[in-house]
Amino acid sequence: QVQLVESGGGLVQAGGSLRLSCAASVSMFSFRTMGWYRQAPGKQRELVAGITGGRVTNYAESVKGRFTISRDNAEMTVYLQMNSLKPEDTAVYYCNTEPIATLTWGQGTQVTVSS
């Protein structure tokens, strides 16, 4: 059964850091391009970062230089290191395949950045 479990969110002040984790129980994980998405209240879900099986990364302009995506294929886990957080980063963060989300969404992890 495919499962995505996100963790690591929390409440942080602007300028702070958080590290999110996504444990993925999915076949052929090391070959899948994975991404972190986020959904802020009243907004559509957006892709913020992606990483191929070969660890080529891409980022949304809004997070470039502040967020770093990485993966551990042996642990089937994707990480998102978030630095210099801003109030506009407040959202529920999810992982899934990218550029198209093909797996059942997990519950996400809430990130709240206070000003």
Protein backbone atom coordinates (compact mmCIF):
# COMPACT_ATOMS: atom_id res chain seq x y z
CA GLN A 1 0.00 0.00 0.00
CA VAL A 2 1.41 3.34 -1.05
CA GLN A 3 1.88 5.70 1.85
CA LEU A 4 3.39 9.14 2.26
CA VAL A 5 4.00 10.38 5.80
CA GLU A 6 5.19 13.95 6.27
CA SER A 7 6.63 15.28 9.52
CA GLY A 8 8.78 18.03 10.97
CA GLY A 9 6.49 21.03 10.72
CA GLY A 10 5.83 23.47 13.50
CA LEU A 11 5.67 27.08 14.59
CA VAL A 12 8.76 29.17 13.99
CA GLN A 13 9.62 32.85 13.95
CA ALA A 14 10.51 34.62 10.74
CA GLY A 15 14.13 33.97 9.90
CA GLY A 16 14.08 30.57 11.53
CA SER A 17 14.59 27.10 10.10
CA LEU A 18 12.76 23.79 9.91
CA ARG A 19 13.56 20.43 8.37
CA LEU A 20 10.70 18.43 6.94
CA SER A 21 10.77 14.70 6.29
CA CYS A 22 8.64 12.53 4.03
CA ALA A 23 8.73 8.77 4.49
CA ALA A 24 7.52 7.11 1.31
CA SER A 25 6.36 3.51 1.17
CA VAL A 26 6.31 3.21 -2.61
CA SER A 27 7.81 0.85 -5.14
CA MET A 28 10.74 1.97 -7.28
CA PHE A 29 11.31 4.94 -4.98
CA SER A 30 14.88 5.54 -6.10
CA PHE A 31 13.72 6.01 -9.68
CA ARG A 32 10.91 8.45 -8.90
CA THR A 33 11.22 12.19 -9.10
CA MET A 34 9.86 13.46 -5.81
CA GLY A 35 8.67 16.89 -4.83
CA TRP A 36 7.54 19.00 -1.93
CA TYR A 37 4.30 20.89 -2.39
CA ARG A 38 2.54 23.37 -0.15
CA GLN A 39 -0.96 24.72 0.22
CA ALA A 40 -1.67 27.95 2.02
CA PRO A 41 -5.17 28.82 3.24
CA GLY A 42 -7.38 29.87 0.33
CA LYS A 43 -4.72 29.07 -2.25
CA GLN A 44 -4.03 26.22 -4.63
CA ARG A 45 -1.42 23.63 -3.88
CA GLU A 46 1.93 24.54 -5.45
CA LEU A 47 5.17 22.70 -6.10
CA VAL A 48 8.10 24.27 -4.26
CA ALA A 49 10.96 21.83 -4.88
CA GLY A 50 11.73 18.63 -6.75
CA ILE A 51 14.51 16.08 -6.88
CA THR A 52 15.17 13.33 -9.40
CA GLY A 53 16.45 9.89 -8.57
CA GLY A 54 19.88 11.16 -9.63
CA ARG A 55 19.50 14.08 -7.21
CA VAL A 56 19.04 16.82 -9.76
CA THR A 57 17.03 19.51 -8.02
CA ASN A 58 14.70 22.32 -9.01
CA TYR A 59 13.01 25.04 -6.97
CA ALA A 60 10.23 27.55 -7.23
CA GLU A 61 11.55 31.08 -7.48
CA SER A 62 9.93 31.98 -4.19
CA VAL A 63 12.09 29.52 -2.23
CA LYS A 64 15.27 29.42 -4.29
CA GLY A 65 18.33 30.03 -2.12
CA ARG A 66 16.40 29.36 1.10
CA PHE A 67 15.11 25.79 0.75
CA THR A 68 17.12 22.65 -0.01
CA ILE A 69 15.56 19.35 -1.05
CA SER A 70 17.43 16.08 -0.57
CA ARG A 71 16.69 12.38 -0.47
CA ASP A 72 17.89 9.14 1.06
CA ASN A 73 16.97 6.34 -1.33
CA ALA A 74 17.94 3.60 1.12
CA GLU A 75 15.54 5.05 3.70
CA MET A 76 12.97 6.03 1.06
CA THR A 77 12.80 9.49 2.57
CA VAL A 78 12.74 12.97 1.09
CA TYR A 79 13.79 16.01 3.11
CA LEU A 80 13.20 19.72 2.82
CA GLN A 81 15.55 22.00 4.72
CA MET A 82 13.90 25.40 5.05
CA ASN A 83 16.00 28.38 6.13
CA SER A 84 15.27 32.08 6.39
CA LEU A 85 11.58 31.32 6.70
CA LYS A 86 9.07 34.05 5.95
CA PRO A 87 5.43 34.45 7.02
CA GLU A 88 4.40 33.76 3.42
CA ASP A 89 5.89 30.26 3.75
CA THR A 90 3.05 29.40 6.12
CA ALA A 91 1.20 26.42 4.63
CA VAL A 92 0.60 22.70 4.89
CA TYR A 93 3.51 20.93 3.22
CA TYR A 94 3.14 17.66 1.34
CA CYS A 95 5.36 15.38 -0.68
CA ASN A 96 4.47 13.48 -3.82
CA THR A 97 5.90 12.69 -7.23
CA GLU A 98 6.50 15.58 -9.55
CA PRO A 99 5.88 17.24 -11.94
CA ILE A 100 2.59 15.40 -11.60
CA ALA A 101 1.41 14.10 -8.25
CA THR A 102 0.58 10.45 -8.91
CA LEU A 103 0.43 9.06 -5.39
CA THR A 104 -2.27 9.33 -2.75
CA TRP A 105 -1.64 12.46 -0.73
CA GLY A 106 -0.49 12.12 2.86
CA GLN A 107 -1.79 14.20 5.72
CA GLY A 108 0.85 16.86 5.28
CA THR A 109 2.69 18.79 7.96
CA GLN A 110 1.76 22.30 9.06
CA VAL A 111 4.39 25.02 8.91
CA THR A 112 3.52 28.32 10.55
CA VAL A 113 5.91 31.26 10.40
CA SER A 114 5.20 34.17 12.71
CA SER A 115 6.35 37.69 11.96
